[in-house]
Amino acid sequence: MIVSEPREDIAAWVGGKIGVTFHPPFTAMAQVHGGRIIAAYVFNVWTEHDVEVSLAADRLSATLMRAVFRYVVDQLGCRRATFRTRADNVQAQAALERLGARLEGRQTAYFGDCDALLYGIMKEDFPYGLHAEGPEGPRSDTDGSGADRHQC
């Protein structure tokens, strides 16, 4: 089940995983399995063309990734999304790159104890083909995300 709304509990779950606190306004989207959040996104700092996206995940699915980008592109009307990840989180960096994100910069001590790396992904670079998907789905790996257990 995918939940999407401005929920404090989802934002707190993501914030607890990545070490930040989110302040409204924001929107959150989570994938819930067995009554437990297994992956969630927080969307904030919307500027019409871009939105900042924060992610924490125990497991990602292609279904959630498509829902996220449909929300960013179709509902928010953004052409791009900006992601921040810890500079020491190599798994998150690899996952973002598999999603089509490109490294755009570094913010010194953003997480207090660690720098942040800024990634951007343009809607036309998103590999799951928001507008052109085959009948078997976006990818052939186990969960369709190209990533297993990671956080960013």
Protein backbone atom coordinates (compact mmCIF):
# COMPACT_ATOMS: atom_id res chain seq x y z
CA MET A 1 0.00 0.00 0.00
CA ILE A 2 1.29 3.49 -0.89
CA VAL A 3 0.24 6.41 1.33
CA SER A 4 0.65 10.01 0.13
CA GLU A 5 -0.23 13.04 2.24
CA PRO A 6 1.36 15.57 4.62
CA ARG A 7 1.84 13.08 7.46
CA GLU A 8 4.12 13.87 10.38
CA ASP A 9 4.72 10.17 11.15
CA ILE A 10 6.13 9.49 7.68
CA ALA A 11 8.35 12.58 7.81
CA ALA A 12 9.57 11.60 11.29
CA TRP A 13 10.41 8.07 10.05
CA VAL A 14 12.46 9.44 7.13
CA GLY A 15 14.07 12.10 9.33
CA GLY A 16 15.03 9.53 11.93
CA LYS A 17 16.70 7.38 9.29
CA ILE A 18 18.72 10.20 7.71
CA GLY A 19 19.29 12.44 10.74
CA VAL A 20 17.21 15.53 9.92
CA THR A 21 13.95 17.10 11.08
CA PHE A 22 11.35 18.20 8.53
CA HIS A 23 9.22 21.27 9.10
CA PRO A 24 5.95 21.96 7.24
CA PRO A 25 5.00 22.49 4.58
CA PHE A 26 5.86 19.10 3.15
CA THR A 27 4.19 16.10 1.59
CA ALA A 28 5.20 12.54 2.37
CA MET A 29 4.76 9.28 0.51
CA ALA A 30 5.36 5.86 2.03
CA GLN A 31 5.15 2.24 1.10
CA VAL A 32 3.64 0.27 3.97
CA HIS A 33 3.86 -3.51 4.30
CA GLY A 34 2.29 -5.38 7.19
CA GLY A 35 1.46 -2.10 8.93
CA ARG A 36 5.13 -1.04 8.83
CA ILE A 37 6.79 1.65 6.69
CA ILE A 38 9.42 0.03 4.47
CA ALA A 39 10.24 3.03 2.24
CA ALA A 40 9.25 6.68 2.36
CA TYR A 41 9.86 10.03 0.68
CA VAL A 42 9.43 13.57 1.94
CA PHE A 43 8.85 16.33 -0.62
CA ASN A 44 9.57 19.92 0.39
CA VAL A 45 10.94 23.20 -0.96
CA TRP A 46 8.72 23.13 -4.05
CA THR A 47 9.66 25.88 -6.53
CA GLU A 48 7.31 25.01 -9.42
CA HIS A 49 10.12 23.58 -11.54
CA ASP A 50 11.87 21.54 -8.84
CA VAL A 51 11.14 19.85 -5.52
CA GLU A 52 13.55 18.55 -2.90
CA VAL A 53 13.09 14.87 -2.18
CA SER A 54 14.40 13.01 0.85
CA LEU A 55 14.31 9.21 0.93
CA ALA A 56 14.79 6.47 3.47
CA ALA A 57 14.20 2.83 2.64
CA ASP A 58 14.57 -0.66 3.98
CA ARG A 59 13.42 -1.90 0.57
CA LEU A 60 12.44 -0.05 -2.62
CA SER A 61 10.00 -1.12 -5.29
CA ALA A 62 9.50 -0.03 -8.88
CA THR A 63 5.85 0.69 -8.02
CA LEU A 64 6.86 3.23 -5.39
CA MET A 65 9.50 4.81 -7.64
CA ARG A 66 6.93 5.29 -10.42
CA ALA A 67 4.43 6.74 -7.92
CA VAL A 68 7.07 9.18 -6.69
CA PHE A 69 7.92 10.44 -10.14
CA ARG A 70 4.29 10.61 -11.21
CA TYR A 71 3.71 12.79 -8.17
CA VAL A 72 6.74 15.01 -8.95
CA VAL A 73 5.97 15.36 -12.67
CA ASP A 74 2.20 15.03 -12.98
CA GLN A 75 0.88 16.45 -9.71
CA LEU A 76 3.55 19.00 -8.80
CA GLY A 77 4.36 19.84 -12.42
CA CYS A 78 8.13 19.74 -11.84
CA ARG A 79 10.66 19.05 -14.53
CA ARG A 80 13.24 17.88 -12.02
CA ALA A 81 13.75 16.60 -8.49
CA THR A 82 16.67 17.35 -6.21
CA PHE A 83 18.00 14.70 -3.82
CA ARG A 84 20.49 15.04 -0.96
CA THR A 85 22.37 12.08 0.41
CA ARG A 86 25.13 11.64 2.94
CA ALA A 87 28.57 11.65 1.36
CA ASP A 88 29.36 8.44 3.25
CA ASN A 89 26.27 6.59 1.92
CA VAL A 90 27.72 4.87 -1.13
CA GLN A 91 24.66 2.60 -1.56
CA ALA A 92 22.31 5.59 -1.83
CA GLN A 93 24.61 7.29 -4.32
CA ALA A 94 24.67 4.19 -6.52
CA ALA A 95 20.87 3.86 -6.31
CA LEU A 96 20.36 7.51 -7.28
CA GLU A 97 22.69 7.08 -10.26
CA ARG A 98 20.75 3.99 -11.37
CA LEU A 99 17.58 6.11 -11.25
CA GLY A 100 19.13 8.59 -13.69
CA ALA A 101 20.24 11.19 -11.13
CA ARG A 102 23.41 13.16 -11.72
CA LEU A 103 25.82 14.46 -9.08
CA GLU A 104 25.50 18.26 -9.03
CA GLY A 105 27.34 19.41 -5.92
CA ARG A 106 28.43 19.06 -2.33
CA GLN A 107 27.27 20.84 0.83
CA THR A 108 29.88 20.87 3.59
CA ALA A 109 28.65 19.58 6.98
CA TYR A 110 24.99 19.58 5.87
CA PHE A 111 24.22 16.59 8.10
CA GLY A 112 26.37 17.98 10.93
CA ASP A 113 28.79 15.09 11.02
CA CYS A 114 28.88 14.55 7.26
CA ASP A 115 28.74 16.44 3.98
CA ALA A 116 25.74 16.12 1.69
CA LEU A 117 25.95 15.31 -2.00
CA LEU A 118 23.33 16.95 -4.22
CA TYR A 119 21.84 14.95 -7.05
CA GLY A 120 19.36 16.07 -9.66
CA ILE A 121 17.13 13.98 -11.87
CA MET A 122 15.28 15.35 -14.87
CA LYS A 123 11.97 13.81 -15.83
CA GLU A 124 13.33 12.80 -19.23
CA ASP A 125 16.24 10.96 -17.57
CA PHE A 126 14.13 8.82 -15.24
CA PRO A 127 14.82 5.25 -16.45
CA TYR A 128 11.47 3.69 -15.50
CA GLY A 129 9.82 5.30 -18.49
CA LEU A 130 6.96 7.25 -16.95
CA HIS A 131 5.48 7.50 -20.42
CA ALA A 132 6.83 4.38 -22.12
CA GLU A 133 6.84 1.24 -20.03
CA GLY A 134 6.86 -2.29 -21.32
CA PRO A 135 4.31 -4.90 -20.22
CA GLU A 136 6.77 -6.66 -17.94
CA GLY A 137 7.56 -3.49 -15.98
CA PRO A 138 10.58 -1.31 -15.70
CA ARG A 139 13.38 -3.70 -14.77
CA SER A 140 14.08 -7.36 -14.42
CA ASP A 141 15.90 -7.39 -11.07
CA THR A 142 14.21 -8.69 -7.93
CA ASP A 143 12.20 -5.67 -6.87
CA GLY A 144 12.48 -3.52 -9.98
CA SER A 145 14.34 -0.74 -8.24
CA GLY A 146 17.88 -1.63 -9.18
CA ALA A 147 18.62 -1.26 -5.47
CA ASP A 148 18.32 -3.27 -2.36
CA ARG A 149 18.42 -2.09 1.24
CA HIS A 150 19.69 1.51 1.30
CA GLN A 151 18.99 4.94 2.74
CA CYS A 152 19.68 8.45 1.59
